[in-house]
């Protein structure tokens, strides 16, 4: 068992869902998007993908995100953005339509492409996604990287 870091925030996290329930939600999502960790041959890439999915499972357990049966995702924002008191972002299921917004973006600027997809999937636009910060940005980026 690994020891806790003095910087650990684990005890501050309020869990709304059991580990088993959150795992079932994330596995169902992976099944629908054919994300098979065991099929990834590169050990570093496999570990990175598994770490991302563990983060997403943690966000599901904490109620920060909800993953619908239709593969839509609701992200409950943790920060105040003031713009009409936006409290959540509703991401539609990512389809080719959302991926097309990456056309014309700089291939070397991964964040520009990620934010374009998130802006399209949410209907809130790339500019809103660029304003996310802290855990909200971390959650949004994890979702996009894991499931694209």
Protein backbone atom coordinates (compact mmCIF):
# COMPACT_ATOMS: atom_id res chain seq x y z
CA UNK A 1 0.00 0.00 0.00
CA UNK A 2 1.40 3.37 -0.92
CA UNK A 3 1.70 5.97 1.78
CA UNK A 4 -0.28 9.19 1.71
CA UNK A 5 1.40 12.35 0.61
CA UNK A 6 1.32 15.29 2.99
CA UNK A 7 -0.43 17.13 0.15
CA UNK A 8 -3.23 14.56 -0.13
CA UNK A 9 -6.74 15.94 -0.53
CA UNK A 10 -8.42 12.54 -0.46
CA UNK A 11 -10.17 13.16 2.85
CA UNK A 12 -11.71 16.37 1.44
CA UNK A 13 -13.41 14.57 -1.45
CA UNK A 14 -17.10 13.92 -0.93
CA UNK A 15 -18.16 10.74 -2.71
CA UNK A 16 -21.71 10.39 -4.00
CA UNK A 17 -21.34 7.01 -5.73
CA UNK A 18 -19.67 3.74 -4.81
CA UNK A 19 -16.50 2.66 -6.58
CA UNK A 20 -18.34 -0.32 -8.10
CA UNK A 21 -21.15 1.86 -9.49
CA UNK A 22 -18.74 4.42 -10.93
CA UNK A 23 -16.64 1.67 -12.49
CA UNK A 24 -19.74 0.21 -14.14
CA UNK A 25 -20.63 3.62 -15.62
CA UNK A 26 -17.13 4.21 -17.01
CA UNK A 27 -16.80 0.64 -18.33
CA UNK A 28 -20.16 0.97 -20.11
CA UNK A 29 -18.93 4.18 -21.73
CA UNK A 30 -15.67 2.48 -22.76
CA UNK A 31 -17.64 -0.41 -24.24
CA UNK A 32 -19.78 1.95 -26.33
CA UNK A 33 -16.67 3.73 -27.64
CA UNK A 34 -14.64 0.52 -28.00
CA UNK A 35 -11.94 1.71 -25.61
CA UNK A 36 -10.13 -1.49 -24.67
CA UNK A 37 -7.21 -0.89 -22.33
CA UNK A 38 -6.00 -4.46 -22.84
CA UNK A 39 -5.67 -3.82 -26.58
CA UNK A 40 -3.14 -1.01 -26.08
CA UNK A 41 0.29 -2.53 -26.66
CA UNK A 42 2.48 0.42 -25.69
CA UNK A 43 2.84 0.16 -21.91
CA UNK A 44 3.28 3.92 -21.37
CA UNK A 45 0.22 4.76 -23.47
CA UNK A 46 -1.76 2.03 -21.72
CA UNK A 47 -0.82 3.39 -18.27
CA UNK A 48 -1.71 6.95 -19.33
CA UNK A 49 -5.13 5.86 -20.62
CA UNK A 50 -5.78 3.86 -17.45
CA UNK A 51 -4.80 6.86 -15.29
CA UNK A 52 -7.22 9.06 -17.27
CA UNK A 53 -10.03 6.56 -16.81
CA UNK A 54 -9.27 6.37 -13.08
CA UNK A 55 -9.55 10.19 -12.91
CA UNK A 56 -12.85 10.08 -14.78
CA UNK A 57 -14.11 7.37 -12.43
CA UNK A 58 -13.15 9.61 -9.49
CA UNK A 59 -15.07 12.53 -11.05
CA UNK A 60 -18.10 10.26 -11.48
CA UNK A 61 -17.86 9.11 -7.84
CA UNK A 62 -17.67 12.71 -6.66
CA UNK A 63 -20.67 13.76 -8.75
CA UNK A 64 -18.61 16.18 -10.83
CA UNK A 65 -19.63 14.40 -14.01
CA UNK A 66 -22.58 12.23 -14.97
CA UNK A 67 -22.34 9.93 -17.97
CA UNK A 68 -25.69 9.15 -19.58
CA UNK A 69 -26.69 5.89 -21.23
CA UNK A 70 -26.73 7.82 -24.52
CA UNK A 71 -23.04 8.78 -23.97
CA UNK A 72 -23.89 12.38 -23.16
CA UNK A 73 -21.96 13.89 -20.28
CA UNK A 74 -23.00 16.50 -17.74
CA UNK A 75 -20.12 18.32 -16.07
CA UNK A 76 -21.12 20.10 -12.88
CA UNK A 77 -18.85 23.13 -12.71
CA UNK A 78 -17.01 23.71 -9.46
CA UNK A 79 -16.13 27.36 -10.14
CA UNK A 80 -18.29 30.45 -10.72
CA UNK A 81 -18.10 31.87 -14.23
CA UNK A 82 -20.68 34.58 -13.70
CA UNK A 83 -22.12 34.27 -17.22
CA UNK A 84 -25.75 33.90 -16.20
CA UNK A 85 -24.57 31.61 -13.41
CA UNK A 86 -23.59 28.67 -15.63
CA UNK A 87 -23.54 25.70 -13.27
CA UNK A 88 -23.05 22.84 -15.68
CA UNK A 89 -21.92 21.97 -19.17
CA UNK A 90 -23.92 19.42 -21.15
CA UNK A 91 -21.79 17.59 -23.70
CA UNK A 92 -23.64 15.75 -26.45
CA UNK A 93 -22.35 12.37 -27.53
CA UNK A 94 -19.19 13.05 -29.54
CA UNK A 95 -19.75 12.24 -33.20
CA UNK A 96 -17.95 12.95 -36.44
CA UNK A 97 -19.68 16.34 -36.47
CA UNK A 98 -17.78 17.40 -33.37
CA UNK A 99 -14.52 15.94 -34.65
CA UNK A 100 -14.83 17.94 -37.88
CA UNK A 101 -14.35 21.18 -35.94
CA UNK A 102 -10.70 20.15 -35.60
CA UNK A 103 -10.22 20.64 -39.35
CA UNK A 104 -8.14 23.71 -40.01
CA UNK A 105 -6.76 23.78 -36.47
CA UNK A 106 -3.02 23.68 -35.94
CA UNK A 107 -2.02 20.00 -35.61
CA UNK A 108 0.71 21.03 -33.19
CA UNK A 109 -1.73 22.77 -30.85
CA UNK A 110 -3.54 19.89 -29.19
CA UNK A 111 -5.42 22.14 -26.78
CA UNK A 112 -6.89 24.22 -29.58
CA UNK A 113 -8.27 21.01 -31.09
CA UNK A 114 -9.56 19.71 -27.74
CA UNK A 115 -11.30 22.98 -26.89
CA UNK A 116 -12.89 23.10 -30.34
CA UNK A 117 -14.38 19.63 -29.84
CA UNK A 118 -15.59 20.45 -26.33
CA UNK A 119 -17.08 23.75 -27.50
CA UNK A 120 -18.92 21.98 -30.30
CA UNK A 121 -20.12 19.06 -28.15
CA UNK A 122 -21.42 21.43 -25.47
CA UNK A 123 -22.92 23.99 -27.82
CA UNK A 124 -21.25 26.66 -25.66
CA UNK A 125 -18.42 27.35 -28.06
CA UNK A 126 -14.68 27.19 -27.89
CA UNK A 127 -14.41 30.60 -26.19
CA UNK A 128 -16.39 29.40 -23.16
CA UNK A 129 -14.24 26.27 -22.85
CA UNK A 130 -11.11 28.45 -22.92
CA UNK A 131 -12.44 30.29 -19.83
CA UNK A 132 -12.65 27.13 -17.72
CA UNK A 133 -10.00 26.91 -15.01
CA UNK A 134 -8.85 24.68 -12.19
CA UNK A 135 -10.66 21.43 -11.75
CA UNK A 136 -13.28 22.36 -14.39
CA UNK A 137 -10.61 22.59 -17.06
CA UNK A 138 -8.87 19.46 -15.80
CA UNK A 139 -12.12 17.47 -16.00
CA UNK A 140 -12.99 18.76 -19.48
CA UNK A 141 -9.53 17.97 -20.85
CA UNK A 142 -9.54 14.49 -19.28
CA UNK A 143 -12.89 13.71 -20.89
CA UNK A 144 -11.74 14.77 -24.31
CA UNK A 145 -8.34 13.08 -24.20
CA UNK A 146 -9.80 9.81 -22.89
CA UNK A 147 -12.66 9.51 -25.33
CA UNK A 148 -11.37 10.96 -28.59
